Amino acid sequence: MIFDTHMHCDYSCDSEMKFADAIGAAAEQGIGITVTEHWDYDYPTNPEAFIFDIDDYFARLQPLSSDKVLIGIEIGMQTHTAAEDKKVAQAHPFDYV
């Protein structure tokens, strides 16, 4: 199966797409998706723009998860936040990091 592995929805400040719309569009096209919301502890121009409640994220997305809908995260690549970013990735059951 073909997957779109870079999909932002409800939790990324640069997206207005809703989870349900993304899942519906993927189903219509016969592809899978990996939702990869932005996570960046210290984004240079807006430090709080790319932080969200990961527990809420899983609570909302987990019921929609399947072999065609995977839960991911796109972590910022800043060396000074790498240790905290690693903790976030390891503390949650992401399908894709």
PDB file of N, CA and C in Angstrom:
ATOM      1  N   MET A   1       0.831  -1.172   0.000  1.00  0.00           N
ATOM      2  CA  MET A   1       0.000   0.000   0.000  1.00  0.00           C
ATOM      3  C   MET A   1       0.880   1.241   0.000  1.00  0.00           C
ATOM      4  N   ILE A   2       0.452   2.251  -0.695  1.00  0.00           N
ATOM      5  CA  ILE A   2       1.134   3.536  -0.720  1.00  0.00           C
ATOM      6  C   ILE A   2       0.661   4.361   0.475  1.00  0.00           C
ATOM      7  N   PHE A   3       1.611   5.042   1.143  1.00  0.00           N
ATOM      8  CA  PHE A   3       1.314   5.895   2.287  1.00  0.00           C
ATOM      9  C   PHE A   3       1.802   7.313   2.045  1.00  0.00           C
ATOM     10  N   ASP A   4       1.026   8.276   2.485  1.00  0.00           N
ATOM     11  CA  ASP A   4       1.506   9.638   2.632  1.00  0.00           C
ATOM     12  C   ASP A   4       2.016   9.699   4.063  1.00  0.00           C
ATOM     13  N   THR A   5       3.328   9.808   4.239  1.00  0.00           N
ATOM     14  CA  THR A   5       3.924   9.733   5.570  1.00  0.00           C
ATOM     15  C   THR A   5       4.236  11.099   6.170  1.00  0.00           C
ATOM     16  N   HIS A   6       3.668  12.143   5.601  1.00  0.00           N
ATOM     17  CA  HIS A   6       3.898  13.489   6.137  1.00  0.00           C
ATOM     18  C   HIS A   6       2.600  14.268   6.047  1.00  0.00           C
ATOM     19  N   MET A   7       1.772  14.116   7.064  1.00  0.00           N
ATOM     20  CA  MET A   7       0.428  14.691   7.057  1.00  0.00           C
ATOM     21  C   MET A   7       0.206  15.476   8.348  1.00  0.00           C
ATOM     22  N   HIS A   8      -0.102  16.770   8.225  1.00  0.00           N
ATOM     23  CA  HIS A   8      -0.425  17.595   9.387  1.00  0.00           C
ATOM     24  C   HIS A   8      -1.921  17.834   9.425  1.00  0.00           C
ATOM     25  N   CYS A   9      -2.474  17.806  10.619  1.00  0.00           N
ATOM     26  CA  CYS A   9      -3.920  18.019  10.788  1.00  0.00           C
ATOM     27  C   CYS A   9      -4.173  18.972  11.947  1.00  0.00           C
ATOM     28  N   ASP A  10      -5.049  18.571  12.832  1.00  0.00           N
ATOM     29  CA  ASP A  10      -5.575  19.417  13.902  1.00  0.00           C
ATOM     30  C   ASP A  10      -4.535  20.055  14.829  1.00  0.00           C
ATOM     31  N   TYR A  11      -3.403  19.437  15.048  1.00  0.00           N
ATOM     32  CA  TYR A  11      -2.475  19.894  16.076  1.00  0.00           C
ATOM     33  C   TYR A  11      -1.311  20.733  15.564  1.00  0.00           C
ATOM     34  N   SER A  12      -1.145  20.849  14.278  1.00  0.00           N
ATOM     35  CA  SER A  12      -0.061  21.661  13.731  1.00  0.00           C
ATOM     36  C   SER A  12      -0.592  23.029  13.332  1.00  0.00           C
ATOM     37  N   CYS A  13       0.132  24.058  13.739  1.00  0.00           N
ATOM     38  CA  CYS A  13      -0.336  25.427  13.490  1.00  0.00           C
ATOM     39  C   CYS A  13      -0.319  25.788  12.010  1.00  0.00           C
ATOM     40  N   ASP A  14       0.310  24.979  11.183  1.00  0.00           N
ATOM     41  CA  ASP A  14       0.361  25.275   9.749  1.00  0.00           C
ATOM     42  C   ASP A  14      -0.636  24.432   8.943  1.00  0.00           C
ATOM     43  N   SER A  15      -1.640  23.896   9.614  1.00  0.00           N
ATOM     44  CA  SER A  15      -2.645  23.087   8.926  1.00  0.00           C
ATOM     45  C   SER A  15      -4.039  23.418   9.438  1.00  0.00           C
ATOM     46  N   GLU A  16      -4.978  23.412   8.535  1.00  0.00           N
ATOM     47  CA  GLU A  16      -6.388  23.596   8.906  1.00  0.00           C
ATOM     48  C   GLU A  16      -7.198  22.324   8.645  1.00  0.00           C
ATOM     49  N   MET A  17      -6.534  21.274   8.167  1.00  0.00           N
ATOM     50  CA  MET A  17      -7.209  20.019   7.860  1.00  0.00           C
ATOM     51  C   MET A  17      -7.575  19.280   9.149  1.00  0.00           C
ATOM     52  N   LYS A  18      -8.725  18.677   9.158  1.00  0.00           N
ATOM     53  CA  LYS A  18      -9.185  17.877  10.290  1.00  0.00           C
ATOM     54  C   LYS A  18      -8.826  16.407  10.054  1.00  0.00           C
ATOM     55  N   PHE A  19      -8.614  15.661  11.149  1.00  0.00           N
ATOM     56  CA  PHE A  19      -8.287  14.240  11.031  1.00  0.00           C
ATOM     57  C   PHE A  19      -9.284  13.506  10.143  1.00  0.00           C
ATOM     58  N   ALA A  20     -10.558  13.695  10.413  1.00  0.00           N
ATOM     59  CA  ALA A  20     -11.596  12.978   9.662  1.00  0.00           C
ATOM     60  C   ALA A  20     -11.522  13.276   8.169  1.00  0.00           C
ATOM     61  N   ASP A  21     -11.231  14.525   7.809  1.00  0.00           N
ATOM     62  CA  ASP A  21     -11.114  14.883   6.391  1.00  0.00           C
ATOM     63  C   ASP A  21      -9.905  14.212   5.751  1.00  0.00           C
ATOM     64  N   ALA A  22      -8.795  14.176   6.470  1.00  0.00           N
ATOM     65  CA  ALA A  22      -7.584  13.531   5.951  1.00  0.00           C
ATOM     66  C   ALA A  22      -7.813  12.033   5.751  1.00  0.00           C
ATOM     67  N   ILE A  23      -8.448  11.409   6.723  1.00  0.00           N
ATOM     68  CA  ILE A  23      -8.718   9.971   6.630  1.00  0.00           C
ATOM     69  C   ILE A  23      -9.668   9.694   5.473  1.00  0.00           C
ATOM     70  N   GLY A  24     -10.696  10.513   5.316  1.00  0.00           N
ATOM     71  CA  GLY A  24     -11.639  10.339   4.218  1.00  0.00           C
ATOM     72  C   GLY A  24     -10.987  10.512   2.862  1.00  0.00           C
ATOM     73  N   ALA A  25     -10.142  11.536   2.721  1.00  0.00           N
ATOM     74  CA  ALA A  25      -9.454  11.775   1.442  1.00  0.00           C
ATOM     75  C   ALA A  25      -8.514  10.621   1.113  1.00  0.00           C
ATOM     76  N   ALA A  26      -7.821  10.117   2.113  1.00  0.00           N
ATOM     77  CA  ALA A  26      -6.915   8.988   1.881  1.00  0.00           C
ATOM     78  C   ALA A  26      -7.695   7.749   1.453  1.00  0.00           C
ATOM     79  N   ALA A  27      -8.822   7.493   2.100  1.00  0.00           N
ATOM     80  CA  ALA A  27      -9.645   6.332   1.745  1.00  0.00           C
ATOM     81  C   ALA A  27     -10.156   6.450   0.309  1.00  0.00           C
ATOM     82  N   GLU A  28     -10.580   7.649  -0.076  1.00  0.00           N
ATOM     83  CA  GLU A  28     -11.050   7.862  -1.455  1.00  0.00           C
ATOM     84  C   GLU A  28      -9.956   7.572  -2.476  1.00  0.00           C
ATOM     85  N   GLN A  29      -8.706   7.871  -2.110  1.00  0.00           N
ATOM     86  CA  GLN A  29      -7.581   7.670  -3.020  1.00  0.00           C
ATOM     87  C   GLN A  29      -6.947   6.292  -2.870  1.00  0.00           C
ATOM     88  N   GLY A  30      -7.416   5.524  -1.912  1.00  0.00           N
ATOM     89  CA  GLY A  30      -6.887   4.181  -1.708  1.00  0.00           C
ATOM     90  C   GLY A  30      -5.469   4.153  -1.163  1.00  0.00           C
ATOM     91  N   ILE A  31      -5.121   5.153  -0.336  1.00  0.00           N
ATOM     92  CA  ILE A  31      -3.787   5.192   0.257  1.00  0.00           C
ATOM     93  C   ILE A  31      -3.909   5.231   1.777  1.00  0.00           C
ATOM     94  N   GLY A  32      -2.801   4.959   2.445  1.00  0.00           N
ATOM     95  CA  GLY A  32      -2.734   5.105   3.891  1.00  0.00           C
ATOM     96  C   GLY A  32      -2.106   6.436   4.234  1.00  0.00           C
ATOM     97  N   ILE A  33      -2.243   6.846   5.488  1.00  0.00           N
ATOM     98  CA  ILE A  33      -1.611   8.087   5.939  1.00  0.00           C
ATOM     99  C   ILE A  33      -0.925   7.880   7.283  1.00  0.00           C
ATOM    100  N   THR A  34       0.089   8.690   7.494  1.00  0.00           N
ATOM    101  CA  THR A  34       0.716   8.802   8.797  1.00  0.00           C
ATOM    102  C   THR A  34       0.589  10.245   9.206  1.00  0.00           C
ATOM    103  N   VAL A  35      -0.174  10.504  10.252  1.00  0.00           N
ATOM    104  CA  VAL A  35      -0.335  11.856  10.752  1.00  0.00           C
ATOM    105  C   VAL A  35       0.933  12.197  11.537  1.00  0.00           C
ATOM    106  N   THR A  36       1.589  13.277  11.158  1.00  0.00           N
ATOM    107  CA  THR A  36       2.863  13.654  11.771  1.00  0.00           C
ATOM    108  C   THR A  36       2.806  15.113  12.201  1.00  0.00           C
ATOM    109  N   GLU A  37       2.156  15.372  13.304  1.00  0.00           N
ATOM    110  CA  GLU A  37       2.038  16.749  13.774  1.00  0.00           C
ATOM    111  C   GLU A  37       3.401  17.292  14.197  1.00  0.00           C
ATOM    112  N   HIS A  38       3.570  18.594  14.049  1.00  0.00           N
ATOM    113  CA  HIS A  38       4.818  19.257  14.430  1.00  0.00           C
ATOM    114  C   HIS A  38       5.022  19.244  15.937  1.00  0.00           C
ATOM    115  N   TRP A  39       6.252  18.964  16.339  1.00  0.00           N
ATOM    116  CA  TRP A  39       6.644  19.063  17.742  1.00  0.00           C
ATOM    117  C   TRP A  39       8.026  19.710  17.769  1.00  0.00           C
ATOM    118  N   ASP A  40       8.127  20.884  18.362  1.00  0.00           N
ATOM    119  CA  ASP A  40       9.406  21.577  18.430  1.00  0.00           C
ATOM    120  C   ASP A  40       9.406  22.423  19.696  1.00  0.00           C
ATOM    121  N   TYR A  41      10.195  21.993  20.701  1.00  0.00           N
ATOM    122  CA  TYR A  41      10.214  22.663  21.998  1.00  0.00           C
ATOM    123  C   TYR A  41      10.585  24.140  21.925  1.00  0.00           C
ATOM    124  N   ASP A  42      11.425  24.503  21.000  1.00  0.00           N
ATOM    125  CA  ASP A  42      11.957  25.862  21.001  1.00  0.00           C
ATOM    126  C   ASP A  42      12.065  26.391  19.575  1.00  0.00           C
ATOM    127  N   TYR A  43      10.934  26.419  18.870  1.00  0.00           N
ATOM    128  CA  TYR A  43      10.941  26.918  17.497  1.00  0.00           C
ATOM    129  C   TYR A  43      11.425  28.370  17.513  1.00  0.00           C
ATOM    130  N   PRO A  44      12.417  28.704  16.692  1.00  0.00           N
ATOM    131  CA  PRO A  44      13.088  30.008  16.794  1.00  0.00           C
ATOM    132  C   PRO A  44      12.180  31.243  16.746  1.00  0.00           C
ATOM    133  N   THR A  45      11.186  31.277  15.893  1.00  0.00           N
ATOM    134  CA  THR A  45      10.371  32.485  15.762  1.00  0.00           C
ATOM    135  C   THR A  45       9.108  32.477  16.612  1.00  0.00           C
ATOM    136  N   ASN A  46       8.738  31.324  17.120  1.00  0.00           N
ATOM    137  CA  ASN A  46       7.528  31.233  17.935  1.00  0.00           C
ATOM    138  C   ASN A  46       7.635  29.972  18.796  1.00  0.00           C
ATOM    139  N   PRO A  47       8.297  30.050  19.926  1.00  0.00           N
ATOM    140  CA  PRO A  47       8.613  28.865  20.732  1.00  0.00           C
ATOM    141  C   PRO A  47       7.440  27.992  21.151  1.00  0.00           C
ATOM    142  N   GLU A  48       6.238  28.541  21.221  1.00  0.00           N
ATOM    143  CA  GLU A  48       5.091  27.750  21.671  1.00  0.00           C
ATOM    144  C   GLU A  48       4.202  27.267  20.534  1.00  0.00           C
ATOM    145  N   ALA A  49       4.519  27.637  19.303  1.00  0.00           N
ATOM    146  CA  ALA A  49       3.662  27.317  18.154  1.00  0.00           C
ATOM    147  C   ALA A  49       3.604  25.825  17.848  1.00  0.00           C
ATOM    148  N   PHE A  50       4.665  25.100  18.149  1.00  0.00           N
ATOM    149  CA  PHE A  50       4.730  23.697  17.754  1.00  0.00           C
ATOM    150  C   PHE A  50       4.764  22.742  18.946  1.00  0.00           C
ATOM    151  N   ILE A  51       4.061  23.114  19.994  1.00  0.00           N
ATOM    152  CA  ILE A  51       3.908  22.264  21.169  1.00  0.00           C
ATOM    153  C   ILE A  51       2.413  21.975  21.315  1.00  0.00           C
ATOM    154  N   PHE A  52       2.061  20.737  21.617  1.00  0.00           N
ATOM    155  CA  PHE A  52       0.658  20.387  21.808  1.00  0.00           C
ATOM    156  C   PHE A  52       0.542  19.315  22.874  1.00  0.00           C
ATOM    157  N   ASP A  53      -0.668  19.050  23.286  1.00  0.00           N
ATOM    158  CA  ASP A  53      -0.949  18.062  24.326  1.00  0.00           C
ATOM    159  C   ASP A  53      -0.925  16.669  23.686  1.00  0.00           C
ATOM    160  N   ILE A  54       0.159  15.962  23.878  1.00  0.00           N
ATOM    161  CA  ILE A  54       0.327  14.650  23.233  1.00  0.00           C
ATOM    162  C   ILE A  54      -0.676  13.634  23.778  1.00  0.00           C
ATOM    163  N   ASP A  55      -1.012  13.709  25.045  1.00  0.00           N
ATOM    164  CA  ASP A  55      -2.007  12.785  25.597  1.00  0.00           C
ATOM    165  C   ASP A  55      -3.362  12.987  24.914  1.00  0.00           C
ATOM    166  N   ASP A  56      -3.734  14.237  24.705  1.00  0.00           N
ATOM    167  CA  ASP A  56      -4.979  14.538  23.992  1.00  0.00           C
ATOM    168  C   ASP A  56      -4.905  14.051  22.548  1.00  0.00           C
ATOM    169  N   TYR A  57      -3.761  14.250  21.929  1.00  0.00           N
ATOM    170  CA  TYR A  57      -3.514  13.794  20.553  1.00  0.00           C
ATOM    171  C   TYR A  57      -3.794  12.293  20.435  1.00  0.00           C
ATOM    172  N   PHE A  58      -3.220  11.500  21.338  1.00  0.00           N
ATOM    173  CA  PHE A  58      -3.448  10.054  21.294  1.00  0.00           C
ATOM    174  C   PHE A  58      -4.896   9.692  21.625  1.00  0.00           C
ATOM    175  N   ALA A  59      -5.484  10.403  22.584  1.00  0.00           N
ATOM    176  CA  ALA A  59      -6.878  10.117  22.948  1.00  0.00           C
ATOM    177  C   ALA A  59      -7.802  10.337  21.750  1.00  0.00           C
ATOM    178  N   ARG A  60      -7.542  11.351  20.966  1.00  0.00           N
ATOM    179  CA  ARG A  60      -8.387  11.650  19.811  1.00  0.00           C
ATOM    180  C   ARG A  60      -8.062  10.781  18.602  1.00  0.00           C
ATOM    181  N   LEU A  61      -6.779  10.496  18.385  1.00  0.00           N
ATOM    182  CA  LEU A  61      -6.397   9.785  17.160  1.00  0.00           C
ATOM    183  C   LEU A  61      -6.380   8.271  17.310  1.00  0.00           C
ATOM    184  N   GLN A  62      -6.079   7.775  18.499  1.00  0.00           N
ATOM    185  CA  GLN A  62      -5.985   6.323  18.700  1.00  0.00           C
ATOM    186  C   GLN A  62      -7.231   5.563  18.220  1.00  0.00           C
ATOM    187  N   PRO A  63      -8.447   6.051  18.502  1.00  0.00           N
ATOM    188  CA  PRO A  63      -9.628   5.326  18.011  1.00  0.00           C
ATOM    189  C   PRO A  63      -9.723   5.278  16.475  1.00  0.00           C
ATOM    190  N   LEU A  64      -9.033   6.184  15.798  1.00  0.00           N
ATOM    191  CA  LEU A  64      -9.058   6.225  14.329  1.00  0.00           C
ATOM    192  C   LEU A  64      -7.894   5.461  13.716  1.00  0.00           C
ATOM    193  N   SER A  65      -6.968   5.037  14.549  1.00  0.00           N
ATOM    194  CA  SER A  65      -5.764   4.355  14.096  1.00  0.00           C
ATOM    195  C   SER A  65      -6.091   2.975  13.518  1.00  0.00           C
ATOM    196  N   SER A  66      -5.365   2.603  12.471  1.00  0.00           N
ATOM    197  CA  SER A  66      -5.556   1.292  11.838  1.00  0.00           C
ATOM    198  C   SER A  66      -4.311   0.967  11.031  1.00  0.00           C
ATOM    199  N   ASP A  67      -4.383  -0.088  10.234  1.00  0.00           N
ATOM    200  CA  ASP A  67      -3.243  -0.396   9.371  1.00  0.00           C
ATOM    201  C   ASP A  67      -3.114   0.616   8.231  1.00  0.00           C
ATOM    202  N   LYS A  68      -4.111   1.494   8.084  1.00  0.00           N
ATOM    203  CA  LYS A  68      -4.081   2.528   7.043  1.00  0.00           C
ATOM    204  C   LYS A  68      -3.957   3.937   7.620  1.00  0.00           C
ATOM    205  N   VAL A  69      -4.057   4.059   8.935  1.00  0.00           N
ATOM    206  CA  VAL A  69      -3.937   5.351   9.614  1.00  0.00           C
ATOM    207  C   VAL A  69      -2.952   5.174  10.770  1.00  0.00           C
ATOM    208  N   LEU A  70      -1.766   5.752  10.621  1.00  0.00           N
ATOM    209  CA  LEU A  70      -0.723   5.621  11.625  1.00  0.00           C
ATOM    210  C   LEU A  70      -0.525   6.942  12.355  1.00  0.00           C
ATOM    211  N   ILE A  71      -0.068   6.843  13.599  1.00  0.00           N
ATOM    212  CA  ILE A  71       0.141   8.020  14.434  1.00  0.00           C
ATOM    213  C   ILE A  71       1.633   8.319  14.488  1.00  0.00           C
ATOM    214  N   GLY A  72       1.975   9.537  14.098  1.00  0.00           N
ATOM    215  CA  GLY A  72       3.376   9.933  14.090  1.00  0.00           C
ATOM    216  C   GLY A  72       3.585  11.295  14.700  1.00  0.00           C
ATOM    217  N   ILE A  73       4.812  11.756  14.600  1.00  0.00           N
ATOM    218  CA  ILE A  73       5.192  13.078  15.084  1.00  0.00           C
ATOM    219  C   ILE A  73       6.390  13.533  14.253  1.00  0.00           C
ATOM    220  N   GLU A  74       6.424  14.824  13.945  1.00  0.00           N
ATOM    221  CA  GLU A  74       7.567  15.426  13.261  1.00  0.00           C
ATOM    222  C   GLU A  74       8.285  16.287  14.290  1.00  0.00           C
ATOM    223  N   ILE A  75       9.447  15.810  14.709  1.00  0.00           N
ATOM    224  CA  ILE A  75      10.193  16.480  15.771  1.00  0.00           C
ATOM    225  C   ILE A  75      11.203  17.440  15.165  1.00  0.00           C
ATOM    226  N   GLY A  76      11.279  18.660  15.750  1.00  0.00           N
ATOM    227  CA  GLY A  76      12.268  19.642  15.318  1.00  0.00           C
ATOM    228  C   GLY A  76      13.673  19.094  15.499  1.00  0.00           C
ATOM    229  N   MET A  77      14.585  19.626  14.719  1.00  0.00           N
ATOM    230  CA  MET A  77      15.961  19.111  14.749  1.00  0.00           C
ATOM    231  C   MET A  77      16.921  20.158  15.307  1.00  0.00           C
ATOM    232  N   GLN A  78      16.764  20.458  16.579  1.00  0.00           N
ATOM    233  CA  GLN A  78      17.653  21.403  17.230  1.00  0.00           C
ATOM    234  C   GLN A  78      18.480  20.654  18.263  1.00  0.00           C
ATOM    235  N   THR A  79      19.769  20.831  18.205  1.00  0.00           N
ATOM    236  CA  THR A  79      20.643  20.060  19.092  1.00  0.00           C
ATOM    237  C   THR A  79      20.377  20.348  20.562  1.00  0.00           C
ATOM    238  N   HIS A  80      20.014  21.579  20.907  1.00  0.00           N
ATOM    239  CA  HIS A  80      19.833  21.909  22.326  1.00  0.00           C
ATOM    240  C   HIS A  80      18.528  21.340  22.902  1.00  0.00           C
ATOM    241  N   THR A  81      17.644  20.804  22.070  1.00  0.00           N
ATOM    242  CA  THR A  81      16.413  20.176  22.583  1.00  0.00           C
ATOM    243  C   THR A  81      16.394  18.666  22.326  1.00  0.00           C
ATOM    244  N   ALA A  82      17.475  18.137  21.793  1.00  0.00           N
ATOM    245  CA  ALA A  82      17.509  16.722  21.390  1.00  0.00           C
ATOM    246  C   ALA A  82      17.189  15.757  22.534  1.00  0.00           C
ATOM    247  N   ALA A  83      17.706  16.008  23.710  1.00  0.00           N
ATOM    248  CA  ALA A  83      17.457  15.098  24.841  1.00  0.00           C
ATOM    249  C   ALA A  83      15.971  15.085  25.211  1.00  0.00           C
ATOM    250  N   GLU A  84      15.347  16.257  25.278  1.00  0.00           N
ATOM    251  CA  GLU A  84      13.915  16.321  25.589  1.00  0.00           C
ATOM    252  C   GLU A  84      13.077  15.716  24.463  1.00  0.00           C
ATOM    253  N   ASP A  85      13.477  15.960  23.223  1.00  0.00           N
ATOM    254  CA  ASP A  85      12.761  15.395  22.075  1.00  0.00           C
ATOM    255  C   ASP A  85      12.804  13.868  22.108  1.00  0.00           C
ATOM    256  N   LYS A  86      13.936  13.327  22.459  1.00  0.00           N
ATOM    257  CA  LYS A  86      14.082  11.873  22.541  1.00  0.00           C
ATOM    258  C   LYS A  86      13.164  11.301  23.617  1.00  0.00           C
ATOM    259  N   LYS A  87      13.057  11.992  24.741  1.00  0.00           N
ATOM    260  CA  LYS A  87      12.162  11.551  25.814  1.00  0.00           C
ATOM    261  C   LYS A  87      10.710  11.516  25.331  1.00  0.00           C
ATOM    262  N   VAL A  88      10.300  12.546  24.595  1.00  0.00           N
ATOM    263  CA  VAL A  88       8.931  12.599  24.065  1.00  0.00           C
ATOM    264  C   VAL A  88       8.683  11.412  23.144  1.00  0.00           C
ATOM    265  N   ALA A  89       9.611  11.174  22.237  1.00  0.00           N
ATOM    266  CA  ALA A  89       9.444  10.075  21.275  1.00  0.00           C
ATOM    267  C   ALA A  89       9.387   8.722  21.965  1.00  0.00           C
ATOM    268  N   GLN A  90      10.210   8.523  22.985  1.00  0.00           N
ATOM    269  CA  GLN A  90      10.265   7.237  23.671  1.00  0.00           C
ATOM    270  C   GLN A  90       9.113   7.030  24.651  1.00  0.00           C
ATOM    271  N   ALA A  91       8.493   8.107  25.085  1.00  0.00           N
ATOM    272  CA  ALA A  91       7.440   8.010  26.100  1.00  0.00           C
ATOM    273  C   ALA A  91       6.061   7.753  25.528  1.00  0.00           C
ATOM    274  N   HIS A  92       5.944   7.712  24.199  1.00  0.00           N
ATOM    275  CA  HIS A  92       4.633   7.557  23.558  1.00  0.00           C
ATOM    276  C   HIS A  92       4.702   6.502  22.471  1.00  0.00           C
ATOM    277  N   PRO A  93       3.616   5.798  22.243  1.00  0.00           N
ATOM    278  CA  PRO A  93       3.614   4.688  21.274  1.00  0.00           C
ATOM    279  C   PRO A  93       3.391   5.131  19.819  1.00  0.00           C
ATOM    280  N   PHE A  94       4.238   6.041  19.340  1.00  0.00           N
ATOM    281  CA  PHE A  94       4.118   6.478  17.955  1.00  0.00           C
ATOM    282  C   PHE A  94       4.376   5.320  16.994  1.00  0.00           C
ATOM    283  N   ASP A  95       3.672   5.334  15.866  1.00  0.00           N
ATOM    284  CA  ASP A  95       3.952   4.380  14.804  1.00  0.00           C
ATOM    285  C   ASP A  95       5.121   4.851  13.960  1.00  0.00           C
ATOM    286  N   TYR A  96       5.336   6.167  13.955  1.00  0.00           N
ATOM    287  CA  TYR A  96       6.334   6.767  13.070  1.00  0.00           C
ATOM    288  C   TYR A  96       6.875   8.016  13.720  1.00  0.00           C
ATOM    289  N   VAL A  97       8.221   8.136  13.828  1.00  0.00           N
ATOM    290  CA  VAL A  97       8.854   9.328  14.387  1.00  0.00           C
ATOM    291  C   VAL A  97       9.852   9.834  13.366  1.00  0.00           C
TER     292      VAL A  97
END
